[in-house]
């Protein structure tokens, strides 16, 4: 799923942004209209917990953005190296160079190396 730090950081940033919005909405709802949220005995404690969770999501969001910037700079530093994907030329780089194997000595039985023909 996440093969590198940049992809993991993007996922964490997205989920953290959603968490910030949701927990802020819950906190505002607890401030303005706590009677719409059922099952809460201590509204003040719930407000603090909601905004504390939003702050935690915000911290995670900042760390994710920091790692996305770090990963982007790391990839930019390696941009002077030849690309392995080949680009528009089709020169894929990962293919080995052509090598002529005619001069290699093969381990063949003596009868085959003399050109014996089997019928």
N, C-alpha and C. Protein backbone atom coordinates (compact mmCIF):
# COMPACT_ATOMS: atom_id res chain seq x y z
N UNK A 1 0.83 -1.18 0.00
CA UNK A 1 0.00 0.00 0.00
C UNK A 1 0.88 1.25 0.00
N UNK A 2 1.62 1.46 1.04
CA UNK A 2 2.52 2.61 1.11
C UNK A 2 3.93 2.10 0.98
N UNK A 3 4.51 2.30 -0.19
CA UNK A 3 5.82 1.73 -0.43
C UNK A 3 6.96 2.66 -0.01
N UNK A 4 6.66 3.91 0.28
CA UNK A 4 7.71 4.82 0.68
C UNK A 4 7.19 5.84 1.68
N UNK A 5 8.10 6.61 2.21
CA UNK A 5 7.76 7.59 3.24
C UNK A 5 6.85 8.70 2.71
N UNK A 6 7.04 9.08 1.46
CA UNK A 6 6.20 10.12 0.88
C UNK A 6 4.74 9.71 0.78
N UNK A 7 4.49 8.48 0.34
CA UNK A 7 3.11 7.99 0.23
C UNK A 7 2.46 7.83 1.60
N UNK A 8 3.21 7.34 2.56
CA UNK A 8 2.67 7.20 3.92
C UNK A 8 2.36 8.57 4.52
N UNK A 9 3.21 9.55 4.24
CA UNK A 9 2.98 10.90 4.75
C UNK A 9 1.74 11.53 4.13
N UNK A 10 1.51 11.27 2.86
CA UNK A 10 0.31 11.79 2.21
C UNK A 10 -0.95 11.19 2.82
N UNK A 11 -0.93 9.90 3.09
CA UNK A 11 -2.07 9.24 3.71
C UNK A 11 -2.33 9.78 5.11
N UNK A 12 -1.28 9.92 5.89
CA UNK A 12 -1.43 10.45 7.25
C UNK A 12 -1.91 11.89 7.24
N UNK A 13 -1.42 12.69 6.29
CA UNK A 13 -1.86 14.08 6.21
C UNK A 13 -3.35 14.16 5.87
N UNK A 14 -3.80 13.32 4.96
CA UNK A 14 -5.21 13.32 4.60
C UNK A 14 -6.09 12.94 5.79
N UNK A 15 -5.77 11.83 6.44
CA UNK A 15 -6.58 11.38 7.57
C UNK A 15 -6.48 12.34 8.75
N UNK A 16 -5.34 12.98 8.93
CA UNK A 16 -5.22 13.96 10.00
C UNK A 16 -6.06 15.20 9.72
N UNK A 17 -6.11 15.63 8.46
CA UNK A 17 -6.94 16.79 8.11
C UNK A 17 -8.42 16.48 8.36
N UNK A 18 -8.84 15.28 8.00
CA UNK A 18 -10.23 14.88 8.27
C UNK A 18 -10.47 14.82 9.78
N UNK A 19 -9.52 14.31 10.55
CA UNK A 19 -9.65 14.25 12.00
C UNK A 19 -9.72 15.63 12.64
N UNK A 20 -8.94 16.56 12.12
CA UNK A 20 -8.98 17.94 12.64
C UNK A 20 -10.37 18.53 12.43
N UNK A 21 -10.88 18.38 11.22
CA UNK A 21 -12.21 18.94 10.91
C UNK A 21 -13.30 18.29 11.77
N UNK A 22 -13.27 16.97 11.88
CA UNK A 22 -14.32 16.27 12.62
C UNK A 22 -14.27 16.60 14.11
N UNK A 23 -13.08 16.52 14.71
CA UNK A 23 -12.99 16.78 16.15
C UNK A 23 -13.25 18.24 16.47
N UNK A 24 -12.88 19.15 15.59
CA UNK A 24 -13.22 20.57 15.80
C UNK A 24 -14.73 20.75 15.73
N UNK A 25 -15.38 20.07 14.80
CA UNK A 25 -16.83 20.14 14.68
C UNK A 25 -17.50 19.60 15.96
N UNK A 26 -16.99 18.49 16.47
CA UNK A 26 -17.54 17.93 17.71
C UNK A 26 -17.32 18.90 18.87
N UNK A 27 -16.13 19.51 18.95
CA UNK A 27 -15.86 20.46 20.02
C UNK A 27 -16.76 21.69 19.95
N UNK A 28 -16.95 22.21 18.74
CA UNK A 28 -17.85 23.36 18.58
C UNK A 28 -19.28 22.99 18.90
N UNK A 29 -19.67 21.79 18.51
CA UNK A 29 -21.02 21.33 18.83
C UNK A 29 -21.21 21.21 20.34
N UNK A 30 -20.18 20.77 21.05
CA UNK A 30 -20.26 20.67 22.51
C UNK A 30 -20.28 22.05 23.18
N UNK A 31 -19.69 23.03 22.54
CA UNK A 31 -19.73 24.40 23.09
C UNK A 31 -21.09 25.04 22.85
N UNK A 32 -21.56 24.96 21.62
CA UNK A 32 -22.78 25.68 21.24
C UNK A 32 -24.07 24.95 21.62
N UNK A 33 -24.13 23.65 21.35
CA UNK A 33 -25.37 22.90 21.56
C UNK A 33 -25.08 21.52 22.15
N UNK A 34 -24.64 21.44 23.40
CA UNK A 34 -24.29 20.15 23.99
C UNK A 34 -25.49 19.22 24.17
N UNK A 35 -26.69 19.76 24.14
CA UNK A 35 -27.88 18.92 24.32
C UNK A 35 -28.13 18.04 23.11
N UNK A 36 -27.51 18.30 21.95
CA UNK A 36 -27.66 17.44 20.77
C UNK A 36 -26.75 16.21 20.83
N UNK A 37 -25.79 16.23 21.73
CA UNK A 37 -24.88 15.09 21.88
C UNK A 37 -25.32 14.31 23.11
N UNK A 38 -25.87 13.15 22.88
CA UNK A 38 -26.40 12.36 23.99
C UNK A 38 -25.33 11.51 24.66
N UNK A 39 -25.55 11.21 25.92
CA UNK A 39 -24.68 10.30 26.65
C UNK A 39 -23.45 10.96 27.25
N UNK A 40 -23.39 12.27 27.29
CA UNK A 40 -22.23 12.96 27.85
C UNK A 40 -22.61 13.46 29.24
N UNK A 41 -21.89 12.97 30.24
CA UNK A 41 -22.17 13.40 31.61
C UNK A 41 -21.43 14.70 31.94
N UNK A 42 -20.17 14.79 31.56
CA UNK A 42 -19.36 15.97 31.86
C UNK A 42 -19.02 16.68 30.55
N UNK A 43 -19.75 17.73 30.24
CA UNK A 43 -19.58 18.44 28.97
C UNK A 43 -18.23 19.13 28.91
N UNK A 44 -17.77 19.70 30.00
CA UNK A 44 -16.47 20.39 30.00
C UNK A 44 -15.33 19.44 29.70
N UNK A 45 -15.38 18.24 30.29
CA UNK A 45 -14.37 17.23 30.02
C UNK A 45 -14.43 16.79 28.55
N UNK A 46 -15.62 16.65 28.01
CA UNK A 46 -15.78 16.24 26.61
C UNK A 46 -15.25 17.31 25.67
N UNK A 47 -15.46 18.58 25.99
CA UNK A 47 -14.92 19.68 25.16
C UNK A 47 -13.40 19.61 25.12
N UNK A 48 -12.81 19.46 26.30
CA UNK A 48 -11.34 19.38 26.37
C UNK A 48 -10.80 18.18 25.60
N UNK A 49 -11.50 17.05 25.69
CA UNK A 49 -11.06 15.85 24.97
C UNK A 49 -11.17 16.04 23.46
N UNK A 50 -12.25 16.67 23.01
CA UNK A 50 -12.45 16.89 21.57
C UNK A 50 -11.37 17.81 21.01
N UNK A 51 -11.11 18.92 21.70
CA UNK A 51 -10.10 19.84 21.20
C UNK A 51 -8.68 19.30 21.40
N UNK A 52 -8.48 18.47 22.41
CA UNK A 52 -7.19 17.80 22.57
C UNK A 52 -6.93 16.82 21.44
N UNK A 53 -7.97 16.09 21.04
CA UNK A 53 -7.82 15.17 19.90
C UNK A 53 -7.56 15.95 18.62
N UNK A 54 -8.24 17.09 18.44
CA UNK A 54 -8.00 17.93 17.26
C UNK A 54 -6.56 18.44 17.25
N UNK A 55 -6.04 18.79 18.41
CA UNK A 55 -4.64 19.24 18.50
C UNK A 55 -3.68 18.10 18.15
N UNK A 56 -4.00 16.89 18.59
CA UNK A 56 -3.16 15.74 18.24
C UNK A 56 -3.17 15.48 16.74
N UNK A 57 -4.35 15.57 16.14
CA UNK A 57 -4.44 15.43 14.68
C UNK A 57 -3.66 16.53 13.97
N UNK A 58 -3.70 17.75 14.50
CA UNK A 58 -2.96 18.85 13.91
C UNK A 58 -1.46 18.60 13.98
N UNK A 59 -0.98 18.10 15.12
CA UNK A 59 0.44 17.77 15.27
C UNK A 59 0.84 16.69 14.26
N UNK A 60 0.01 15.66 14.10
CA UNK A 60 0.29 14.60 13.13
C UNK A 60 0.29 15.16 11.71
N UNK A 61 -0.62 16.09 11.43
CA UNK A 61 -0.68 16.74 10.12
C UNK A 61 0.62 17.49 9.83
N UNK A 62 1.12 18.24 10.81
CA UNK A 62 2.36 19.00 10.62
C UNK A 62 3.55 18.07 10.38
N UNK A 63 3.63 17.00 11.14
CA UNK A 63 4.72 16.04 10.96
C UNK A 63 4.64 15.41 9.57
N UNK A 64 3.43 15.10 9.11
CA UNK A 64 3.26 14.51 7.78
C UNK A 64 3.69 15.48 6.69
N UNK A 65 3.32 16.75 6.83
CA UNK A 65 3.73 17.76 5.86
C UNK A 65 5.26 17.89 5.85
N UNK A 66 5.87 17.84 7.03
CA UNK A 66 7.32 17.93 7.12
C UNK A 66 7.98 16.77 6.37
N UNK A 67 7.47 15.56 6.55
CA UNK A 67 8.05 14.41 5.86
C UNK A 67 7.77 14.44 4.36
N UNK A 68 6.64 14.99 3.93
CA UNK A 68 6.38 15.12 2.49
C UNK A 68 7.38 16.10 1.87
N UNK A 69 7.67 17.20 2.57
CA UNK A 69 8.66 18.16 2.07
C UNK A 69 10.04 17.52 2.04
N UNK A 70 10.38 16.78 3.10
CA UNK A 70 11.69 16.12 3.16
C UNK A 70 11.82 15.10 2.02
N UNK A 71 10.79 14.33 1.76
CA UNK A 71 10.82 13.33 0.69
C UNK A 71 10.91 14.00 -0.68
N UNK A 72 10.19 15.11 -0.85
CA UNK A 72 10.26 15.85 -2.11
C UNK A 72 11.65 16.40 -2.37
N UNK A 73 12.29 16.92 -1.34
CA UNK A 73 13.66 17.43 -1.50
C UNK A 73 14.64 16.30 -1.79
N UNK A 74 14.42 15.14 -1.16
CA UNK A 74 15.30 14.00 -1.40
C UNK A 74 15.18 13.55 -2.85
N UNK A 75 13.96 13.52 -3.39
CA UNK A 75 13.78 13.13 -4.77
C UNK A 75 14.35 14.16 -5.73
N UNK A 76 14.29 15.45 -5.37
CA UNK A 76 14.87 16.49 -6.20
C UNK A 76 16.39 16.40 -6.23
N UNK A 77 16.98 15.97 -5.12
CA UNK A 77 18.44 15.84 -5.05
C UNK A 77 18.93 14.76 -6.00
N UNK A 78 18.11 13.76 -6.27
CA UNK A 78 18.51 12.65 -7.14
C UNK A 78 18.05 12.88 -8.57
N UNK A 79 17.58 14.06 -8.90
CA UNK A 79 17.07 14.30 -10.26
C UNK A 79 18.19 14.39 -11.29
N UNK A 80 19.44 14.59 -10.86
CA UNK A 80 20.55 14.65 -11.81
C UNK A 80 20.99 13.27 -12.27
N UNK A 81 20.56 12.24 -11.57
CA UNK A 81 20.89 10.88 -11.97
C UNK A 81 20.00 10.45 -13.13
N UNK A 82 20.48 9.56 -13.97
CA UNK A 82 19.64 9.12 -15.08
C UNK A 82 18.42 8.37 -14.57
N UNK A 83 17.32 8.59 -15.22
CA UNK A 83 16.07 7.97 -14.81
C UNK A 83 16.04 6.52 -15.26
N UNK A 84 15.46 5.65 -14.43
CA UNK A 84 15.36 4.24 -14.79
C UNK A 84 14.09 3.95 -15.56
N UNK A 85 13.19 4.91 -15.65
CA UNK A 85 11.96 4.63 -16.37
C UNK A 85 12.08 4.90 -17.87
N UNK A 86 13.15 5.55 -18.29
CA UNK A 86 13.40 5.71 -19.71
C UNK A 86 12.81 6.94 -20.33
N UNK A 87 11.77 7.47 -19.79
CA UNK A 87 11.15 8.65 -20.36
C UNK A 87 10.62 8.39 -21.75
N UNK A 88 10.68 9.40 -22.61
CA UNK A 88 10.14 9.28 -23.96
C UNK A 88 11.05 8.49 -24.89
N UNK A 89 12.34 8.35 -24.53
CA UNK A 89 13.28 7.66 -25.40
C UNK A 89 13.07 6.16 -25.39
N UNK A 90 12.60 5.63 -24.30
CA UNK A 90 12.46 4.19 -24.20
C UNK A 90 13.73 3.49 -23.77
N UNK A 91 14.76 4.22 -23.39
CA UNK A 91 16.00 3.65 -22.91
C UNK A 91 15.81 3.34 -21.43
N UNK A 92 15.51 2.11 -21.10
CA UNK A 92 15.03 1.78 -19.77
C UNK A 92 16.12 1.63 -18.72
N UNK A 93 17.35 1.61 -19.05
CA UNK A 93 18.41 1.65 -18.07
C UNK A 93 18.57 0.37 -17.26
N UNK A 94 17.51 -0.32 -16.91
CA UNK A 94 17.65 -1.53 -16.11
C UNK A 94 18.00 -2.75 -16.96
N UNK A 95 17.90 -2.63 -18.28
CA UNK A 95 18.27 -3.74 -19.15
C UNK A 95 19.79 -3.83 -19.23
N UNK A 96 20.33 -5.03 -19.17
CA UNK A 96 21.79 -5.14 -19.23
C UNK A 96 22.29 -4.80 -20.64
N UNK A 97 23.50 -4.34 -20.68
CA UNK A 97 24.12 -4.02 -21.97
C UNK A 97 24.34 -5.31 -22.75
N UNK A 98 24.33 -5.21 -24.08
CA UNK A 98 24.54 -6.39 -24.92
C UNK A 98 25.95 -6.90 -24.75
N UNK A 99 26.08 -8.19 -24.62
CA UNK A 99 27.39 -8.80 -24.48
C UNK A 99 27.50 -9.93 -25.48
N UNK A 100 28.61 -10.00 -26.16
CA UNK A 100 28.83 -11.05 -27.14
C UNK A 100 29.39 -12.27 -26.43
N UNK A 101 28.67 -13.37 -26.51
CA UNK A 101 29.09 -14.59 -25.81
C UNK A 101 29.81 -15.57 -26.73
N UNK A 102 30.20 -15.17 -27.95
CA UNK A 102 30.86 -16.09 -28.87
C UNK A 102 32.23 -16.51 -28.39
N UNK A 103 32.90 -15.66 -27.63
CA UNK A 103 34.24 -16.00 -27.19
C UNK A 103 34.25 -16.81 -25.90
N UNK A 104 33.10 -17.12 -25.35
CA UNK A 104 33.04 -17.89 -24.12
C UNK A 104 33.34 -19.35 -24.41
N UNK A 105 34.00 -20.00 -23.48
CA UNK A 105 34.32 -21.41 -23.62
C UNK A 105 33.21 -22.21 -22.97
N UNK A 106 32.58 -23.06 -23.72
CA UNK A 106 31.48 -23.86 -23.20
C UNK A 106 32.00 -25.20 -22.70
N UNK A 107 31.39 -25.70 -21.64
CA UNK A 107 31.75 -27.01 -21.11
C UNK A 107 30.89 -28.05 -21.80
N UNK A 108 31.32 -28.48 -22.98
CA UNK A 108 30.59 -29.48 -23.74
C UNK A 108 31.38 -30.77 -23.76
N UNK A 109 30.69 -31.87 -23.88
CA UNK A 109 31.43 -33.13 -24.03
C UNK A 109 32.29 -33.10 -25.30
N UNK A 110 33.34 -33.86 -25.29
CA UNK A 110 34.28 -33.83 -26.41
C UNK A 110 33.65 -34.21 -27.72
N UNK A 111 32.70 -35.14 -27.69
CA UNK A 111 32.05 -35.55 -28.93
C UNK A 111 31.24 -34.42 -29.55
N UNK A 112 30.63 -33.57 -28.73
CA UNK A 112 29.86 -32.46 -29.26
C UNK A 112 30.74 -31.31 -29.72
N UNK A 113 31.86 -31.12 -29.05
CA UNK A 113 32.73 -30.01 -29.42
C UNK A 113 33.43 -30.29 -30.74
N UNK A 114 33.57 -31.58 -31.16
CA UNK A 114 34.18 -31.89 -32.44
C UNK A 114 33.17 -31.82 -33.58
N UNK A 115 31.91 -31.65 -33.26
CA UNK A 115 30.90 -31.56 -34.32
C UNK A 115 30.32 -32.90 -34.68
N UNK A 116 30.24 -33.80 -33.72
CA UNK A 116 29.67 -35.10 -33.98
C UNK A 116 28.18 -34.98 -34.27
N UNK A 117 27.71 -35.79 -35.18
CA UNK A 117 26.29 -35.78 -35.55
C UNK A 117 25.67 -37.08 -35.09
N UNK A 118 24.55 -36.99 -34.41
CA UNK A 118 23.86 -38.18 -33.92
C UNK A 118 22.67 -38.46 -34.80
N UNK A 119 22.50 -39.69 -35.17
CA UNK A 119 21.35 -40.04 -35.99
C UNK A 119 20.44 -41.00 -35.30
